[in-house]
All heavy atoms as atom14 arrays in JSON, in Angstrom:
{
  "sequence": "VPAYLPPKLLELCILLHSKVKEPHVMLDIGSDWL",
  "atom14_mask": [
    [1, 1, 1, 1, 1, 1, 1, 0, 0, 0, 0, 0, 0, 0],
    [1, 1, 1, 1, 1, 1, 1, 0, 0, 0, 0, 0, 0, 0],
    [1, 1, 1, 1, 1, 0, 0, 0, 0, 0, 0, 0, 0, 0],
    [1, 1, 1, 1, 1, 1, 1, 1, 1, 1, 1, 1, 0, 0],
    [1, 1, 1, 1, 1, 1, 1, 1, 0, 0, 0, 0, 0, 0],
    [1, 1, 1, 1, 1, 1, 1, 0, 0, 0, 0, 0, 0, 0],
    [1, 1, 1, 1, 1, 1, 1, 0, 0, 0, 0, 0, 0, 0],
    [1, 1, 1, 1, 1, 1, 1, 1, 1, 0, 0, 0, 0, 0],
    [1, 1, 1, 1, 1, 1, 1, 1, 0, 0, 0, 0, 0, 0],
    [1, 1, 1, 1, 1, 1, 1, 1, 0, 0, 0, 0, 0, 0],
    [1, 1, 1, 1, 1, 1, 1, 1, 1, 0, 0, 0, 0, 0],
    [1, 1, 1, 1, 1, 1, 1, 1, 0, 0, 0, 0, 0, 0],
    [1, 1, 1, 1, 1, 1, 0, 0, 0, 0, 0, 0, 0, 0],
    [1, 1, 1, 1, 1, 1, 1, 1, 0, 0, 0, 0, 0, 0],
    [1, 1, 1, 1, 1, 1, 1, 1, 0, 0, 0, 0, 0, 0],
    [1, 1, 1, 1, 1, 1, 1, 1, 0, 0, 0, 0, 0, 0],
    [1, 1, 1, 1, 1, 1, 1, 1, 1, 1, 0, 0, 0, 0],
    [1, 1, 1, 1, 1, 1, 0, 0, 0, 0, 0, 0, 0, 0],
    [1, 1, 1, 1, 1, 1, 1, 1, 1, 0, 0, 0, 0, 0],
    [1, 1, 1, 1, 1, 1, 1, 0, 0, 0, 0, 0, 0, 0],
    [1, 1, 1, 1, 1, 1, 1, 1, 1, 0, 0, 0, 0, 0],
    [1, 1, 1, 1, 1, 1, 1, 1, 1, 0, 0, 0, 0, 0],
    [1, 1, 1, 1, 1, 1, 1, 0, 0, 0, 0, 0, 0, 0],
    [1, 1, 1, 1, 1, 1, 1, 1, 1, 1, 0, 0, 0, 0],
    [1, 1, 1, 1, 1, 1, 1, 0, 0, 0, 0, 0, 0, 0],
    [1, 1, 1, 1, 1, 1, 1, 1, 0, 0, 0, 0, 0, 0],
    [1, 1, 1, 1, 1, 1, 1, 1, 0, 0, 0, 0, 0, 0],
    [1, 1, 1, 1, 1, 1, 1, 1, 0, 0, 0, 0, 0, 0],
    [1, 1, 1, 1, 1, 1, 1, 1, 0, 0, 0, 0, 0, 0],
    [1, 1, 1, 1, 0, 0, 0, 0, 0, 0, 0, 0, 0, 0],
    [1, 1, 1, 1, 1, 1, 0, 0, 0, 0, 0, 0, 0, 0],
    [1, 1, 1, 1, 1, 1, 1, 1, 0, 0, 0, 0, 0, 0],
    [1, 1, 1, 1, 1, 1, 1, 1, 1, 1, 1, 1, 1, 1],
    [1, 1, 1, 1, 1, 1, 1, 1, 0, 0, 0, 0, 0, 0]
  ],
  "atom14_positions": [
    [[-13.2, -15.22, -21.62], [-13.3, -13.85, -22.11], [-12.99, -12.9, -20.96], [-13.66, -12.92, -19.93], [-14.72, -13.56, -22.64], [-14.81, -12.13, -23.16], [-15.07, -14.56, -23.74], [0.0, 0.0, 0.0], [0.0, 0.0, 0.0], [0.0, 0.0, 0.0], [0.0, 0.0, 0.0], [0.0, 0.0, 0.0], [0.0, 0.0, 0.0], [0.0, 0.0, 0.0]],
    [[-11.96, -12.06, -21.09], [-11.58, -11.16, -19.99], [-12.7, -10.26, -19.52], [-12.77, -9.9, -18.34], [-10.43, -10.34, -20.58], [-9.85, -11.23, -21.62], [-11.0, -11.98, -22.2], [0.0, 0.0, 0.0], [0.0, 0.0, 0.0], [0.0, 0.0, 0.0], [0.0, 0.0, 0.0], [0.0, 0.0, 0.0], [0.0, 0.0, 0.0], [0.0, 0.0, 0.0]],
    [[-13.6, -9.87, -20.42], [-14.7, -8.99, -20.03], [-15.63, -9.65, -19.02], [-16.39, -8.96, -18.33], [-15.49, -8.56, -21.27], [0.0, 0.0, 0.0], [0.0, 0.0, 0.0], [0.0, 0.0, 0.0], [0.0, 0.0, 0.0], [0.0, 0.0, 0.0], [0.0, 0.0, 0.0], [0.0, 0.0, 0.0], [0.0, 0.0, 0.0], [0.0, 0.0, 0.0]],
    [[-15.58, -11.0, -18.94], [-16.45, -11.72, -18.01], [-15.8, -11.91, -16.64], [-16.43, -12.49, -15.74], [-16.82, -13.09, -18.57], [-17.65, -13.04, -19.84], [-17.73, -14.15, -20.69], [-18.34, -11.88, -20.21], [-18.49, -14.1, -21.85], [-19.08, -11.83, -21.37], [-19.15, -12.94, -22.19], [-19.9, -12.89, -23.35], [0.0, 0.0, 0.0], [0.0, 0.0, 0.0]],
    [[-14.58, -11.48, -16.47], [-13.91, -11.64, -15.18], [-14.67, -10.9, -14.08], [-15.06, -9.74, -14.27], [-12.49, -11.11, -15.24], [-11.43, -11.94, -15.96], [-10.12, -11.18, -16.02], [-11.22, -13.28, -15.26], [0.0, 0.0, 0.0], [0.0, 0.0, 0.0], [0.0, 0.0, 0.0], [0.0, 0.0, 0.0], [0.0, 0.0, 0.0], [0.0, 0.0, 0.0]],
    [[-14.9, -11.51, -12.94], [-15.45, -10.76, -11.81], [-14.5, -9.64, -11.4], [-13.28, -9.79, -11.52], [-15.57, -11.81, -10.7], [-15.57, -13.13, -11.41], [-14.7, -12.93, -12.61], [0.0, 0.0, 0.0], [0.0, 0.0, 0.0], [0.0, 0.0, 0.0], [0.0, 0.0, 0.0], [0.0, 0.0, 0.0], [0.0, 0.0, 0.0], [0.0, 0.0, 0.0]],
    [[-15.03, -8.52, -10.94], [-14.16, -7.39, -10.57], [-13.05, -7.77, -9.58], [-11.93, -7.29, -9.69], [-15.14, -6.39, -9.95], [-16.45, -6.7, -10.6], [-16.46, -8.19, -10.81], [0.0, 0.0, 0.0], [0.0, 0.0, 0.0], [0.0, 0.0, 0.0], [0.0, 0.0, 0.0], [0.0, 0.0, 0.0], [0.0, 0.0, 0.0], [0.0, 0.0, 0.0]],
    [[-13.37, -8.64, -8.63], [-12.37, -9.02, -7.63], [-11.18, -9.72, -8.27], [-10.03, -9.47, -7.89], [-13.01, -9.94, -6.57], [-12.08, -10.3, -5.43], [-11.65, -9.07, -4.65], [-10.78, -9.43, -3.46], [-10.33, -8.22, -2.72], [0.0, 0.0, 0.0], [0.0, 0.0, 0.0], [0.0, 0.0, 0.0], [0.0, 0.0, 0.0], [0.0, 0.0, 0.0]],
    [[-11.43, -10.58, -9.24], [-10.33, -11.29, -9.89], [-9.47, -10.35, -10.72], [-8.24, -10.46, -10.72], [-10.88, -12.42, -10.77], [-11.59, -13.56, -10.04], [-11.93, -14.68, -11.02], [-10.75, -14.1, -8.9], [0.0, 0.0, 0.0], [0.0, 0.0, 0.0], [0.0, 0.0, 0.0], [0.0, 0.0, 0.0], [0.0, 0.0, 0.0], [0.0, 0.0, 0.0]],
    [[-10.11, -9.42, -11.43], [-9.33, -8.44, -12.19], [-8.49, -7.59, -11.26], [-7.31, -7.31, -11.55], [-10.27, -7.56, -13.01], [-9.57, -6.51, -13.89], [-8.72, -7.18, -14.96], [-10.59, -5.57, -14.52], [0.0, 0.0, 0.0], [0.0, 0.0, 0.0], [0.0, 0.0, 0.0], [0.0, 0.0, 0.0], [0.0, 0.0, 0.0], [0.0, 0.0, 0.0]],
    [[-9.06, -7.2, -10.14], [-8.32, -6.4, -9.16], [-7.07, -7.15, -8.67], [-5.96, -6.6, -8.63], [-9.23, -6.08, -7.98], [-8.54, -5.35, -6.84], [-9.44, -5.17, -5.63], [-10.66, -5.4, -5.76], [-8.92, -4.8, -4.57], [0.0, 0.0, 0.0], [0.0, 0.0, 0.0], [0.0, 0.0, 0.0], [0.0, 0.0, 0.0], [0.0, 0.0, 0.0]],
    [[-7.24, -8.42, -8.33], [-6.12, -9.22, -7.83], [-5.04, -9.39, -8.9], [-3.85, -9.33, -8.61], [-6.61, -10.58, -7.34], [-7.53, -10.57, -6.13], [-7.92, -11.98, -5.75], [-6.86, -9.87, -4.95], [0.0, 0.0, 0.0], [0.0, 0.0, 0.0], [0.0, 0.0, 0.0], [0.0, 0.0, 0.0], [0.0, 0.0, 0.0], [0.0, 0.0, 0.0]],
    [[-5.46, -9.63, -10.14], [-4.49, -9.82, -11.22], [-3.7, -8.53, -11.48], [-2.49, -8.57, -11.72], [-5.2, -10.27, -12.49], [-5.81, -11.97, -12.44], [0.0, 0.0, 0.0], [0.0, 0.0, 0.0], [0.0, 0.0, 0.0], [0.0, 0.0, 0.0], [0.0, 0.0, 0.0], [0.0, 0.0, 0.0], [0.0, 0.0, 0.0], [0.0, 0.0, 0.0]],
    [[-4.37, -7.38, -11.43], [-3.67, -6.11, -11.63], [-2.67, -5.88, -10.51], [-1.51, -5.52, -10.76], [-4.69, -4.95, -11.69], [-5.48, -5.01, -12.99], [-3.97, -3.6, -11.59], [-6.58, -3.96, -13.1], [0.0, 0.0, 0.0], [0.0, 0.0, 0.0], [0.0, 0.0, 0.0], [0.0, 0.0, 0.0], [0.0, 0.0, 0.0], [0.0, 0.0, 0.0]],
    [[-3.08, -6.11, -9.26], [-2.19, -5.88, -8.12], [-1.0, -6.84, -8.16], [0.13, -6.45, -7.86], [-2.97, -6.06, -6.81], [-4.0, -4.97, -6.5], [-4.79, -5.33, -5.25], [-3.33, -3.61, -6.34], [0.0, 0.0, 0.0], [0.0, 0.0, 0.0], [0.0, 0.0, 0.0], [0.0, 0.0, 0.0], [0.0, 0.0, 0.0], [0.0, 0.0, 0.0]],
    [[-1.26, -8.09, -8.53], [-0.18, -9.07, -8.59], [0.87, -8.68, -9.62], [2.07, -8.65, -9.33], [-0.76, -10.45, -8.92], [0.27, -11.54, -9.25], [1.15, -11.82, -8.04], [-0.4, -12.82, -9.7], [0.0, 0.0, 0.0], [0.0, 0.0, 0.0], [0.0, 0.0, 0.0], [0.0, 0.0, 0.0], [0.0, 0.0, 0.0], [0.0, 0.0, 0.0]],
    [[0.44, -8.37, -10.85], [1.4, -8.07, -11.91], [2.06, -6.71, -11.69], [3.17, -6.48, -12.18], [0.71, -8.14, -13.28], [0.39, -9.54, -13.69], [-0.77, -10.17, -13.34], [1.12, -10.45, -14.41], [-0.77, -11.4, -13.82], [0.36, -11.6, -14.47], [0.0, 0.0, 0.0], [0.0, 0.0, 0.0], [0.0, 0.0, 0.0], [0.0, 0.0, 0.0]],
    [[1.42, -5.84, -10.95], [2.08, -4.6, -10.55], [3.17, -4.89, -9.52], [4.25, -4.31, -9.58], [1.05, -3.63, -9.97], [1.67, -2.48, -9.43], [0.0, 0.0, 0.0], [0.0, 0.0, 0.0], [0.0, 0.0, 0.0], [0.0, 0.0, 0.0], [0.0, 0.0, 0.0], [0.0, 0.0, 0.0], [0.0, 0.0, 0.0], [0.0, 0.0, 0.0]],
    [[2.87, -5.79, -8.6], [3.83, -6.13, -7.55], [5.09, -6.77, -8.12], [6.2, -6.52, -7.63], [3.17, -7.09, -6.55], [3.97, -7.31, -5.28], [3.98, -6.07, -4.42], [4.77, -6.3, -3.14], [4.85, -5.07, -2.32], [0.0, 0.0, 0.0], [0.0, 0.0, 0.0], [0.0, 0.0, 0.0], [0.0, 0.0, 0.0], [0.0, 0.0, 0.0]],
    [[4.95, -7.58, -9.15], [6.1, -8.27, -9.73], [6.7, -7.51, -10.92], [7.49, -8.05, -11.68], [5.73, -9.71, -10.15], [5.31, -10.53, -8.95], [4.63, -9.71, -11.21], [0.0, 0.0, 0.0], [0.0, 0.0, 0.0], [0.0, 0.0, 0.0], [0.0, 0.0, 0.0], [0.0, 0.0, 0.0], [0.0, 0.0, 0.0], [0.0, 0.0, 0.0]],
    [[6.29, -6.24, -11.08], [6.85, -5.36, -12.12], [6.59, -5.86, -13.53], [7.43, -5.74, -14.42], [8.37, -5.18, -11.9], [8.78, -4.79, -10.5], [8.22, -3.45, -10.09], [8.72, -3.03, -8.7], [8.08, -1.78, -8.24], [0.0, 0.0, 0.0], [0.0, 0.0, 0.0], [0.0, 0.0, 0.0], [0.0, 0.0, 0.0], [0.0, 0.0, 0.0]],
    [[5.41, -6.43, -13.75], [5.02, -6.87, -15.09], [3.64, -6.31, -15.46], [2.72, -7.06, -15.83], [5.0, -8.41, -15.16], [6.34, -9.08, -14.95], [7.26, -8.94, -16.14], [6.79, -8.54, -17.22], [8.46, -9.23, -15.99], [0.0, 0.0, 0.0], [0.0, 0.0, 0.0], [0.0, 0.0, 0.0], [0.0, 0.0, 0.0], [0.0, 0.0, 0.0]],
    [[3.44, -4.99, -15.36], [2.1, -4.44, -15.6], [1.64, -4.58, -17.04], [0.42, -4.57, -17.3], [2.26, -2.96, -15.21], [3.72, -2.67, -15.43], [4.44, -3.93, -15.04], [0.0, 0.0, 0.0], [0.0, 0.0, 0.0], [0.0, 0.0, 0.0], [0.0, 0.0, 0.0], [0.0, 0.0, 0.0], [0.0, 0.0, 0.0], [0.0, 0.0, 0.0]],
    [[2.57, -4.69, -17.98], [2.18, -4.76, -19.39], [1.34, -6.0, -19.69], [0.58, -6.02, -20.65], [3.42, -4.75, -20.27], [4.31, -5.93, -20.05], [5.16, -6.03, -18.96], [4.49, -7.07, -20.75], [5.82, -7.17, -19.02], [5.43, -7.82, -20.09], [0.0, 0.0, 0.0], [0.0, 0.0, 0.0], [0.0, 0.0, 0.0], [0.0, 0.0, 0.0]],
    [[1.47, -7.05, -18.87], [0.69, -8.26, -19.08], [-0.8, -7.97, -18.94], [-1.63, -8.6, -19.61], [1.13, -9.35, -18.08], [0.24, -10.58, -18.18], [2.59, -9.73, -18.31], [0.0, 0.0, 0.0], [0.0, 0.0, 0.0], [0.0, 0.0, 0.0], [0.0, 0.0, 0.0], [0.0, 0.0, 0.0], [0.0, 0.0, 0.0], [0.0, 0.0, 0.0]],
    [[-1.15, -6.98, -18.11], [-2.55, -6.66, -17.87], [-3.07, -5.54, -18.77], [-4.23, -5.15, -18.64], [-2.74, -6.25, -16.4], [-2.5, -7.37, -15.41], [-3.58, -8.79, -15.68], [-5.2, -8.06, -15.51], [0.0, 0.0, 0.0], [0.0, 0.0, 0.0], [0.0, 0.0, 0.0], [0.0, 0.0, 0.0], [0.0, 0.0, 0.0], [0.0, 0.0, 0.0]],
    [[-2.25, -5.03, -19.67], [-2.63, -3.86, -20.45], [-3.88, -4.13, -21.3], [-4.89, -3.41, -21.2], [-1.46, -3.42, -21.33], [-1.68, -2.16, -22.17], [-1.97, -0.97, -21.29], [-0.47, -1.9, -23.06], [0.0, 0.0, 0.0], [0.0, 0.0, 0.0], [0.0, 0.0, 0.0], [0.0, 0.0, 0.0], [0.0, 0.0, 0.0], [0.0, 0.0, 0.0]],
    [[-3.83, -5.12, -22.15], [-4.96, -5.41, -23.04], [-6.14, -6.0, -22.28], [-7.3, -5.67, -22.57], [-4.53, -6.38, -24.14], [-3.68, -5.71, -25.19], [-3.73, -4.47, -25.28], [-2.95, -6.42, -25.92], [0.0, 0.0, 0.0], [0.0, 0.0, 0.0], [0.0, 0.0, 0.0], [0.0, 0.0, 0.0], [0.0, 0.0, 0.0], [0.0, 0.0, 0.0]],
    [[-5.86, -6.86, -21.31], [-6.93, -7.52, -20.58], [-7.71, -6.51, -19.75], [-8.95, -6.5, -19.74], [-6.36, -8.65, -19.7], [-5.83, -9.76, -20.61], [-7.41, -9.19, -18.74], [-5.12, -10.86, -19.9], [0.0, 0.0, 0.0], [0.0, 0.0, 0.0], [0.0, 0.0, 0.0], [0.0, 0.0, 0.0], [0.0, 0.0, 0.0], [0.0, 0.0, 0.0]],
    [[-7.0, -5.63, -19.05], [-7.67, -4.6, -18.29], [-8.46, -3.65, -19.17], [-9.58, -3.25, -18.85], [0.0, 0.0, 0.0], [0.0, 0.0, 0.0], [0.0, 0.0, 0.0], [0.0, 0.0, 0.0], [0.0, 0.0, 0.0], [0.0, 0.0, 0.0], [0.0, 0.0, 0.0], [0.0, 0.0, 0.0], [0.0, 0.0, 0.0], [0.0, 0.0, 0.0]],
    [[-7.89, -3.3, -20.32], [-8.56, -2.4, -21.25], [-9.84, -3.04, -21.79], [-10.89, -2.38, -21.9], [-7.62, -2.04, -22.4], [-8.26, -1.2, -23.33], [0.0, 0.0, 0.0], [0.0, 0.0, 0.0], [0.0, 0.0, 0.0], [0.0, 0.0, 0.0], [0.0, 0.0, 0.0], [0.0, 0.0, 0.0], [0.0, 0.0, 0.0], [0.0, 0.0, 0.0]],
    [[-9.78, -4.31, -22.14], [-10.96, -5.01, -22.65], [-12.07, -5.02, -21.6], [-13.25, -4.79, -21.91], [-10.61, -6.45, -23.02], [-9.85, -6.54, -24.32], [-9.7, -5.5, -25.0], [-9.38, -7.64, -24.67], [0.0, 0.0, 0.0], [0.0, 0.0, 0.0], [0.0, 0.0, 0.0], [0.0, 0.0, 0.0], [0.0, 0.0, 0.0], [0.0, 0.0, 0.0]],
    [[-11.69, -5.29, -20.35], [-12.69, -5.34, -19.28], [-13.34, -3.98, -19.08], [-14.56, -3.87, -18.95], [-12.03, -5.81, -17.98], [-13.0, -6.21, -16.92], [-13.45, -7.46, -16.64], [-13.67, -5.34, -15.98], [-14.34, -7.44, -15.6], [-14.49, -6.15, -15.17], [-13.64, -3.97, -15.74], [-15.28, -5.64, -14.14], [-14.44, -3.45, -14.73], [-15.24, -4.27, -13.94]],
    [[-12.54, -2.93, -19.06], [-13.05, -1.59, -18.8], [-13.91, -1.06, -19.95], [-14.8, -0.23, -19.73], [-11.9, -0.62, -18.52], [-11.13, -0.89, -17.22], [-9.89, 0.0, -17.15], [-12.02, -0.64, -16.01], [0.0, 0.0, 0.0], [0.0, 0.0, 0.0], [0.0, 0.0, 0.0], [0.0, 0.0, 0.0], [0.0, 0.0, 0.0], [0.0, 0.0, 0.0]]
  ]
}
């Protein structure tokens, strides 16, 4: 469940997919967590 992700892991996943120009992959997952 994405809402259970530790903050550090979510942070790393957002930064990674931003770096590789694929931010849309984190759209729903980040929204669910927040």
